[in-house]
């Protein structure tokens, strides 16, 4: 079964309130098996546009990634984030097929 991923780009207007969101999203992330692969680290925009914070979160499956976002726990957390940030969030299914040069 392919893993699922959240690819998130965020601009934050109130860092202190955003920290409250981070605390609130910990429970649903743990419940659905989330694992951070990239979390606001150093980045360079090589094409297109970007936001100030970029995050990639891995889930055990595409369905778990969707279920986490739709869960009551995450929907409660997102209400904290919405007034203090602008985000782009994509849920994508992982790829287990052939790789270049393989």
C-alpha atoms as a PDB file:
ATOM      1  CA  UNK A   1       0.000   0.000   0.000  1.00  0.00           C
ATOM      2  CA  UNK A   2       1.371   3.391  -0.977  1.00  0.00           C
ATOM      3  CA  UNK A   3       2.001   5.939   1.740  1.00  0.00           C
ATOM      4  CA  UNK A   4       0.208   9.263   1.823  1.00  0.00           C
ATOM      5  CA  UNK A   5       1.765  12.700   2.176  1.00  0.00           C
ATOM      6  CA  UNK A   6       0.732  16.187   3.110  1.00  0.00           C
ATOM      7  CA  UNK A   7       2.701  18.832   1.251  1.00  0.00           C
ATOM      8  CA  UNK A   8       2.109  22.127   3.028  1.00  0.00           C
ATOM      9  CA  UNK A   9       3.303  25.676   2.338  1.00  0.00           C
ATOM     10  CA  UNK A  10       2.427  28.283   4.970  1.00  0.00           C
ATOM     11  CA  UNK A  11       2.817  31.997   5.654  1.00  0.00           C
ATOM     12  CA  UNK A  12       2.265  32.807   9.339  1.00  0.00           C
ATOM     13  CA  UNK A  13       1.056  36.176  10.624  1.00  0.00           C
ATOM     14  CA  UNK A  14       0.997  35.374  14.369  1.00  0.00           C
ATOM     15  CA  UNK A  15       3.708  32.939  15.450  1.00  0.00           C
ATOM     16  CA  UNK A  16       2.526  32.699  19.068  1.00  0.00           C
ATOM     17  CA  UNK A  17      -0.992  31.667  18.031  1.00  0.00           C
ATOM     18  CA  UNK A  18       0.460  29.312  15.416  1.00  0.00           C
ATOM     19  CA  UNK A  19       2.315  27.535  18.236  1.00  0.00           C
ATOM     20  CA  UNK A  20      -1.096  26.838  19.819  1.00  0.00           C
ATOM     21  CA  UNK A  21      -2.117  25.177  16.534  1.00  0.00           C
ATOM     22  CA  UNK A  22       1.075  23.080  16.556  1.00  0.00           C
ATOM     23  CA  UNK A  23       0.203  21.839  20.037  1.00  0.00           C
ATOM     24  CA  UNK A  24      -3.377  21.077  18.953  1.00  0.00           C
ATOM     25  CA  UNK A  25      -2.375  19.119  15.850  1.00  0.00           C
ATOM     26  CA  UNK A  26      -0.071  16.754  17.787  1.00  0.00           C
ATOM     27  CA  UNK A  27      -2.904  14.432  18.874  1.00  0.00           C
ATOM     28  CA  UNK A  28      -4.437  13.838  15.423  1.00  0.00           C
ATOM     29  CA  UNK A  29      -0.989  13.488  13.879  1.00  0.00           C
ATOM     30  CA  UNK A  30      -0.087  10.797  16.420  1.00  0.00           C
ATOM     31  CA  UNK A  31      -3.463   9.079  15.982  1.00  0.00           C
ATOM     32  CA  UNK A  32      -3.017   8.791  12.195  1.00  0.00           C
ATOM     33  CA  UNK A  33       0.682   7.875  12.211  1.00  0.00           C
ATOM     34  CA  UNK A  34       2.081  11.151  10.853  1.00  0.00           C
ATOM     35  CA  UNK A  35       5.843  11.554  10.535  1.00  0.00           C
ATOM     36  CA  UNK A  36       7.524  14.822   9.584  1.00  0.00           C
ATOM     37  CA  UNK A  37       9.957  14.476   6.664  1.00  0.00           C
ATOM     38  CA  UNK A  38      10.560  18.210   6.265  1.00  0.00           C
ATOM     39  CA  UNK A  39       9.511  20.858   8.760  1.00  0.00           C
ATOM     40  CA  UNK A  40      10.333  24.519   8.111  1.00  0.00           C
ATOM     41  CA  UNK A  41      13.949  23.825   7.251  1.00  0.00           C
ATOM     42  CA  UNK A  42      16.212  25.750   4.963  1.00  0.00           C
ATOM     43  CA  UNK A  43      14.863  26.060   1.420  1.00  0.00           C
ATOM     44  CA  UNK A  44      15.500  27.781  -1.912  1.00  0.00           C
ATOM     45  CA  UNK A  45      12.887  28.682  -4.504  1.00  0.00           C
ATOM     46  CA  UNK A  46      14.258  27.440  -7.828  1.00  0.00           C
ATOM     47  CA  UNK A  47      11.026  27.772  -9.816  1.00  0.00           C
ATOM     48  CA  UNK A  48       7.633  29.314  -9.159  1.00  0.00           C
ATOM     49  CA  UNK A  49       6.591  30.788  -5.852  1.00  0.00           C
ATOM     50  CA  UNK A  50       6.932  29.731  -2.228  1.00  0.00           C
ATOM     51  CA  UNK A  51       5.687  30.534   1.216  1.00  0.00           C
ATOM     52  CA  UNK A  52       7.858  31.166   4.262  1.00  0.00           C
ATOM     53  CA  UNK A  53       7.350  27.708   5.843  1.00  0.00           C
ATOM     54  CA  UNK A  54       7.281  24.352   4.030  1.00  0.00           C
ATOM     55  CA  UNK A  55       6.324  20.999   5.525  1.00  0.00           C
ATOM     56  CA  UNK A  56       6.145  17.430   4.227  1.00  0.00           C
ATOM     57  CA  UNK A  57       4.330  14.926   6.441  1.00  0.00           C
ATOM     58  CA  UNK A  58       4.265  11.186   5.736  1.00  0.00           C
ATOM     59  CA  UNK A  59       1.327   8.948   6.700  1.00  0.00           C
ATOM     60  CA  UNK A  60       1.158   5.146   6.571  1.00  0.00           C
ATOM     61  CA  UNK A  61      -1.352   5.368   3.693  1.00  0.00           C
ATOM     62  CA  UNK A  62      -3.107   7.861   1.448  1.00  0.00           C
ATOM     63  CA  UNK A  63      -6.348   7.092   3.290  1.00  0.00           C
ATOM     64  CA  UNK A  64      -4.734   7.834   6.684  1.00  0.00           C
ATOM     65  CA  UNK A  65      -3.555  11.202   5.311  1.00  0.00           C
ATOM     66  CA  UNK A  66      -7.100  12.047   4.219  1.00  0.00           C
ATOM     67  CA  UNK A  67      -8.653  10.688   7.413  1.00  0.00           C
ATOM     68  CA  UNK A  68      -6.339  12.832   9.528  1.00  0.00           C
ATOM     69  CA  UNK A  69      -7.327  16.019   7.711  1.00  0.00           C
ATOM     70  CA  UNK A  70     -11.042  15.176   7.932  1.00  0.00           C
ATOM     71  CA  UNK A  71     -10.892  14.060  11.580  1.00  0.00           C
ATOM     72  CA  UNK A  72     -12.750  16.097  14.210  1.00  0.00           C
ATOM     73  CA  UNK A  73      -9.461  16.519  16.090  1.00  0.00           C
ATOM     74  CA  UNK A  74      -7.664  18.092  13.134  1.00  0.00           C
ATOM     75  CA  UNK A  75     -10.669  20.183  12.147  1.00  0.00           C
ATOM     76  CA  UNK A  76     -10.611  21.653  15.670  1.00  0.00           C
ATOM     77  CA  UNK A  77      -6.879  22.385  15.290  1.00  0.00           C
ATOM     78  CA  UNK A  78      -7.264  23.980  11.876  1.00  0.00           C
ATOM     79  CA  UNK A  79      -9.727  26.514  13.312  1.00  0.00           C
ATOM     80  CA  UNK A  80      -6.824  27.805  15.411  1.00  0.00           C
ATOM     81  CA  UNK A  81      -4.525  28.091  12.381  1.00  0.00           C
ATOM     82  CA  UNK A  82      -6.856  29.680   9.846  1.00  0.00           C
ATOM     83  CA  UNK A  83      -6.991  33.201  11.338  1.00  0.00           C
ATOM     84  CA  UNK A  84      -3.193  33.441  11.689  1.00  0.00           C
ATOM     85  CA  UNK A  85      -1.885  31.885   8.473  1.00  0.00           C
ATOM     86  CA  UNK A  86      -2.353  31.343   4.771  1.00  0.00           C
ATOM     87  CA  UNK A  87      -1.616  27.839   3.565  1.00  0.00           C
ATOM     88  CA  UNK A  88      -1.576  25.574   0.550  1.00  0.00           C
ATOM     89  CA  UNK A  89      -2.072  21.922   1.543  1.00  0.00           C
ATOM     90  CA  UNK A  90      -2.031  19.027  -0.899  1.00  0.00           C
ATOM     91  CA  UNK A  91      -2.620  15.387   0.041  1.00  0.00           C
ATOM     92  CA  UNK A  92      -0.833  13.086  -2.373  1.00  0.00           C
ATOM     93  CA  UNK A  93      -0.465   9.335  -2.724  1.00  0.00           C
ATOM     94  CA  UNK A  94       3.077   7.987  -2.664  1.00  0.00           C
ATOM     95  CA  UNK A  95       4.637   6.271  -5.655  1.00  0.00           C
ATOM     96  CA  UNK A  96       6.024   2.727  -5.470  1.00  0.00           C
ATOM     97  CA  UNK A  97       6.748   2.158  -9.172  1.00  0.00           C
ATOM     98  CA  UNK A  98       9.944   1.999 -11.220  1.00  0.00           C
ATOM     99  CA  UNK A  99      12.582   4.675 -10.673  1.00  0.00           C
ATOM    100  CA  UNK A 100      14.914   6.327 -13.218  1.00  0.00           C
ATOM    101  CA  UNK A 101      17.942   4.180 -13.911  1.00  0.00           C
ATOM    102  CA  UNK A 102      16.422   1.144 -12.222  1.00  0.00           C
END
